Amino acid sequence: MRFLIIPGVIAAFSIAVICAAVQLELSPPMIVGDSLQPRVFPILLMVINLILAALLAFQYRKELPGEIQWEGPQTWGSIVLFVVFFPITVYVDMMIGIAVVMFAMCLLWGERRILVAGTLALGTPVTIFFLFDLVLRVRFPRGLFTNWYYG
């Protein structure tokens, strides 16, 4: 029965998210239009999560996983970078946070070409920003870069 612990935790989390999503109020038809309600998306993701948890339980029942090895410094460094991303996003700017974390993560995982890491770290947030701003017409939260751009 030990093989059911991880799928059980995943299933309990998914059910909790579904229960929380069901409690959300329905959006007015004039806002949503002919599209789905916003609460449908987390419910859909958690149903997929439940299906995957059931498949994981069946897979564990057939063959238990082997001994888990401790992760290397890249994994722990990535976790630290994700934690650092939050204060950079909140107190500086989201786009700058994405660029800094992507650059550091490229170097952490072994990219030796600084120009490639820098191009990726700068190109990705700029592309995301202009895609959302010009195509989707979505504004990002205020920060150093966005205050300068939005005026």
C-alpha atoms as a PDB file:
ATOM      1  CA  MET A   1       0.000   0.000   0.000  1.00  0.00           C
ATOM      2  CA  ARG A   2       3.026   2.258   0.250  1.00  0.00           C
ATOM      3  CA  PHE A   3       2.924   2.743  -3.525  1.00  0.00           C
ATOM      4  CA  LEU A   4      -0.340   4.685  -3.155  1.00  0.00           C
ATOM      5  CA  ILE A   5       1.154   7.515  -1.067  1.00  0.00           C
ATOM      6  CA  ILE A   6       2.395   9.737  -3.909  1.00  0.00           C
ATOM      7  CA  PRO A   7      -0.626   9.198  -6.213  1.00  0.00           C
ATOM      8  CA  GLY A   8      -2.870   9.709  -3.165  1.00  0.00           C
ATOM      9  CA  VAL A   9      -1.259  13.048  -2.312  1.00  0.00           C
ATOM     10  CA  ILE A  10      -1.559  14.151  -5.947  1.00  0.00           C
ATOM     11  CA  ALA A  11      -5.217  13.080  -6.034  1.00  0.00           C
ATOM     12  CA  ALA A  12      -5.998  14.851  -2.739  1.00  0.00           C
ATOM     13  CA  PHE A  13      -4.393  18.055  -4.012  1.00  0.00           C
ATOM     14  CA  SER A  14      -6.314  17.814  -7.293  1.00  0.00           C
ATOM     15  CA  ILE A  15      -9.618  17.284  -5.507  1.00  0.00           C
ATOM     16  CA  ALA A  16      -8.899  20.249  -3.203  1.00  0.00           C
ATOM     17  CA  VAL A  17      -8.216  22.486  -6.217  1.00  0.00           C
ATOM     18  CA  ILE A  18     -11.398  21.280  -7.930  1.00  0.00           C
ATOM     19  CA  CYS A  19     -13.418  22.029  -4.770  1.00  0.00           C
ATOM     20  CA  ALA A  20     -11.864  25.507  -4.565  1.00  0.00           C
ATOM     21  CA  ALA A  21     -12.547  26.155  -8.265  1.00  0.00           C
ATOM     22  CA  VAL A  22     -16.180  25.100  -7.936  1.00  0.00           C
ATOM     23  CA  GLN A  23     -16.605  27.730  -5.192  1.00  0.00           C
ATOM     24  CA  LEU A  24     -15.656  30.541  -7.590  1.00  0.00           C
ATOM     25  CA  GLU A  25     -18.521  32.687  -8.784  1.00  0.00           C
ATOM     26  CA  LEU A  26     -19.592  32.513 -12.409  1.00  0.00           C
ATOM     27  CA  SER A  27     -18.418  35.364 -14.597  1.00  0.00           C
ATOM     28  CA  PRO A  28     -21.125  37.480 -16.232  1.00  0.00           C
ATOM     29  CA  PRO A  29     -21.968  36.503 -19.828  1.00  0.00           C
ATOM     30  CA  MET A  30     -21.012  39.966 -21.100  1.00  0.00           C
ATOM     31  CA  ILE A  31     -17.420  39.385 -19.889  1.00  0.00           C
ATOM     32  CA  VAL A  32     -17.043  35.743 -20.876  1.00  0.00           C
ATOM     33  CA  GLY A  33     -19.106  35.815 -24.050  1.00  0.00           C
ATOM     34  CA  ASP A  34     -19.296  32.457 -25.821  1.00  0.00           C
ATOM     35  CA  SER A  35     -16.116  31.136 -24.209  1.00  0.00           C
ATOM     36  CA  LEU A  36     -15.726  28.935 -21.155  1.00  0.00           C
ATOM     37  CA  GLN A  37     -15.935  30.147 -17.586  1.00  0.00           C
ATOM     38  CA  PRO A  38     -12.538  30.908 -16.010  1.00  0.00           C
ATOM     39  CA  ARG A  39     -12.993  28.171 -13.403  1.00  0.00           C
ATOM     40  CA  VAL A  40     -13.144  25.493 -16.114  1.00  0.00           C
ATOM     41  CA  PHE A  41      -9.391  25.696 -16.764  1.00  0.00           C
ATOM     42  CA  PRO A  42      -8.166  24.634 -13.287  1.00  0.00           C
ATOM     43  CA  ILE A  43     -10.852  21.952 -13.144  1.00  0.00           C
ATOM     44  CA  LEU A  44      -9.735  20.576 -16.512  1.00  0.00           C
ATOM     45  CA  LEU A  45      -6.090  20.554 -15.431  1.00  0.00           C
ATOM     46  CA  MET A  46      -6.915  18.773 -12.176  1.00  0.00           C
ATOM     47  CA  VAL A  47      -9.030  16.143 -13.960  1.00  0.00           C
ATOM     48  CA  ILE A  48      -6.028  15.454 -16.197  1.00  0.00           C
ATOM     49  CA  ASN A  49      -3.913  15.359 -13.026  1.00  0.00           C
ATOM     50  CA  LEU A  50      -6.296  12.795 -11.479  1.00  0.00           C
ATOM     51  CA  ILE A  51      -6.075  10.603 -14.578  1.00  0.00           C
ATOM     52  CA  LEU A  52      -2.281  10.774 -14.492  1.00  0.00           C
ATOM     53  CA  ALA A  53      -2.274   9.978 -10.747  1.00  0.00           C
ATOM     54  CA  ALA A  54      -4.407   6.888 -11.420  1.00  0.00           C
ATOM     55  CA  LEU A  55      -2.004   5.797 -14.164  1.00  0.00           C
ATOM     56  CA  LEU A  56       0.899   6.351 -11.771  1.00  0.00           C
ATOM     57  CA  ALA A  57      -0.786   4.167  -9.139  1.00  0.00           C
ATOM     58  CA  PHE A  58      -1.261   1.356 -11.664  1.00  0.00           C
ATOM     59  CA  GLN A  59       2.336   1.719 -12.823  1.00  0.00           C
ATOM     60  CA  TYR A  60       3.613   1.593  -9.230  1.00  0.00           C
ATOM     61  CA  ARG A  61       1.467  -1.463  -8.575  1.00  0.00           C
ATOM     62  CA  LYS A  62       3.157  -3.346 -11.417  1.00  0.00           C
ATOM     63  CA  GLU A  63       6.689  -2.290 -10.573  1.00  0.00           C
ATOM     64  CA  LEU A  64       7.871  -0.210  -7.642  1.00  0.00           C
ATOM     65  CA  PRO A  65      10.392   2.507  -8.489  1.00  0.00           C
ATOM     66  CA  GLY A  66      14.021   1.968  -7.560  1.00  0.00           C
ATOM     67  CA  GLU A  67      16.001   3.837  -4.954  1.00  0.00           C
ATOM     68  CA  ILE A  68      15.920   7.587  -5.558  1.00  0.00           C
ATOM     69  CA  GLN A  69      19.296   9.272  -5.872  1.00  0.00           C
ATOM     70  CA  TRP A  70      19.887  12.752  -4.525  1.00  0.00           C
ATOM     71  CA  GLU A  71      19.752  15.459  -7.143  1.00  0.00           C
ATOM     72  CA  GLY A  72      22.810  17.406  -8.213  1.00  0.00           C
ATOM     73  CA  PRO A  73      23.663  21.049  -7.587  1.00  0.00           C
ATOM     74  CA  GLN A  74      21.890  22.168 -10.778  1.00  0.00           C
ATOM     75  CA  THR A  75      18.521  21.072  -9.410  1.00  0.00           C
ATOM     76  CA  TRP A  76      19.028  22.793  -6.062  1.00  0.00           C
ATOM     77  CA  GLY A  77      20.374  25.876  -7.826  1.00  0.00           C
ATOM     78  CA  SER A  78      17.258  25.965 -10.010  1.00  0.00           C
ATOM     79  CA  ILE A  79      15.065  25.810  -6.917  1.00  0.00           C
ATOM     80  CA  VAL A  80      16.998  28.721  -5.409  1.00  0.00           C
ATOM     81  CA  LEU A  81      16.621  30.687  -8.655  1.00  0.00           C
ATOM     82  CA  PHE A  82      12.856  30.112  -8.653  1.00  0.00           C
ATOM     83  CA  VAL A  83      12.732  31.419  -5.079  1.00  0.00           C
ATOM     84  CA  VAL A  84      14.864  34.442  -6.079  1.00  0.00           C
ATOM     85  CA  PHE A  85      12.569  35.072  -9.063  1.00  0.00           C
ATOM     86  CA  PHE A  86       9.656  36.036  -6.810  1.00  0.00           C
ATOM     87  CA  PRO A  87      11.248  39.029  -5.034  1.00  0.00           C
ATOM     88  CA  ILE A  88      12.798  40.251  -8.287  1.00  0.00           C
ATOM     89  CA  THR A  89       9.369  40.104  -9.917  1.00  0.00           C
ATOM     90  CA  VAL A  90       7.591  41.831  -7.037  1.00  0.00           C
ATOM     91  CA  TYR A  91      10.120  44.531  -6.204  1.00  0.00           C
ATOM     92  CA  VAL A  92      11.919  45.188  -9.508  1.00  0.00           C
ATOM     93  CA  ASP A  93      10.123  44.006 -12.659  1.00  0.00           C
ATOM     94  CA  MET A  94       8.767  40.754 -14.035  1.00  0.00           C
ATOM     95  CA  MET A  95      10.592  41.014 -17.365  1.00  0.00           C
ATOM     96  CA  ILE A  96      13.889  41.795 -15.649  1.00  0.00           C
ATOM     97  CA  GLY A  97      13.270  38.854 -13.308  1.00  0.00           C
ATOM     98  CA  ILE A  98      12.711  36.498 -16.236  1.00  0.00           C
ATOM     99  CA  ALA A  99      15.904  37.713 -17.934  1.00  0.00           C
ATOM    100  CA  VAL A 100      18.062  37.446 -14.797  1.00  0.00           C
ATOM    101  CA  VAL A 101      16.788  33.992 -13.836  1.00  0.00           C
ATOM    102  CA  MET A 102      17.067  32.649 -17.399  1.00  0.00           C
ATOM    103  CA  PHE A 103      20.634  33.909 -17.726  1.00  0.00           C
ATOM    104  CA  ALA A 104      21.653  32.447 -14.372  1.00  0.00           C
ATOM    105  CA  MET A 105      19.911  29.150 -15.159  1.00  0.00           C
ATOM    106  CA  CYS A 106      21.696  28.879 -18.514  1.00  0.00           C
ATOM    107  CA  LEU A 107      25.031  29.298 -16.763  1.00  0.00           C
ATOM    108  CA  LEU A 108      24.032  26.957 -13.934  1.00  0.00           C
ATOM    109  CA  TRP A 109      23.131  24.137 -16.318  1.00  0.00           C
ATOM    110  CA  GLY A 110      26.404  24.406 -18.206  1.00  0.00           C
ATOM    111  CA  GLU A 111      26.007  26.870 -21.064  1.00  0.00           C
ATOM    112  CA  ARG A 112      29.524  28.190 -21.655  1.00  0.00           C
ATOM    113  CA  ARG A 113      28.740  30.678 -24.396  1.00  0.00           C
ATOM    114  CA  ILE A 114      27.845  33.885 -22.577  1.00  0.00           C
ATOM    115  CA  LEU A 115      26.506  35.485 -25.771  1.00  0.00           C
ATOM    116  CA  VAL A 116      24.056  32.619 -26.343  1.00  0.00           C
ATOM    117  CA  ALA A 117      22.883  32.715 -22.721  1.00  0.00           C
ATOM    118  CA  GLY A 118      22.505  36.497 -22.861  1.00  0.00           C
ATOM    119  CA  THR A 119      20.629  36.422 -26.160  1.00  0.00           C
ATOM    120  CA  LEU A 120      18.240  33.795 -24.840  1.00  0.00           C
ATOM    121  CA  ALA A 121      17.797  35.613 -21.531  1.00  0.00           C
ATOM    122  CA  LEU A 122      17.039  38.940 -23.221  1.00  0.00           C
ATOM    123  CA  GLY A 123      15.191  37.682 -26.288  1.00  0.00           C
ATOM    124  CA  THR A 124      12.647  35.542 -24.482  1.00  0.00           C
ATOM    125  CA  PRO A 125      11.179  38.190 -22.139  1.00  0.00           C
ATOM    126  CA  VAL A 126      11.201  40.824 -24.888  1.00  0.00           C
ATOM    127  CA  THR A 127       9.329  38.441 -27.206  1.00  0.00           C
ATOM    128  CA  ILE A 128       6.860  37.517 -24.463  1.00  0.00           C
ATOM    129  CA  PHE A 129       6.324  41.167 -23.565  1.00  0.00           C
ATOM    130  CA  PHE A 130       5.641  42.372 -27.092  1.00  0.00           C
ATOM    131  CA  LEU A 131       3.525  39.325 -27.944  1.00  0.00           C
ATOM    132  CA  PHE A 132       1.284  39.976 -24.966  1.00  0.00           C
ATOM    133  CA  ASP A 133       1.283  43.766 -25.358  1.00  0.00           C
ATOM    134  CA  LEU A 134       0.850  44.166 -29.103  1.00  0.00           C
ATOM    135  CA  VAL A 135      -0.933  40.978 -30.153  1.00  0.00           C
ATOM    136  CA  LEU A 136      -2.983  39.957 -27.118  1.00  0.00           C
ATOM    137  CA  ARG A 137      -3.245  43.488 -25.678  1.00  0.00           C
ATOM    138  CA  VAL A 138      -2.509  42.346 -22.134  1.00  0.00           C
ATOM    139  CA  ARG A 139      -0.599  44.633 -19.780  1.00  0.00           C
ATOM    140  CA  PHE A 140       1.964  43.359 -17.322  1.00  0.00           C
ATOM    141  CA  PRO A 141       2.255  44.544 -13.698  1.00  0.00           C
ATOM    142  CA  ARG A 142       4.142  47.775 -13.121  1.00  0.00           C
ATOM    143  CA  GLY A 143       7.906  47.640 -12.646  1.00  0.00           C
ATOM    144  CA  LEU A 144      11.060  49.359 -13.892  1.00  0.00           C
ATOM    145  CA  PHE A 145      10.768  48.281 -17.528  1.00  0.00           C
ATOM    146  CA  THR A 146       6.980  48.356 -17.733  1.00  0.00           C
ATOM    147  CA  ASN A 147       6.775  51.828 -16.126  1.00  0.00           C
ATOM    148  CA  TRP A 148       9.243  53.095 -18.713  1.00  0.00           C
ATOM    149  CA  TYR A 149       7.363  51.429 -21.592  1.00  0.00           C
ATOM    150  CA  TYR A 150       3.800  52.261 -20.520  1.00  0.00           C
ATOM    151  CA  GLY A 151       4.773  55.796 -19.502  1.00  0.00           C
END
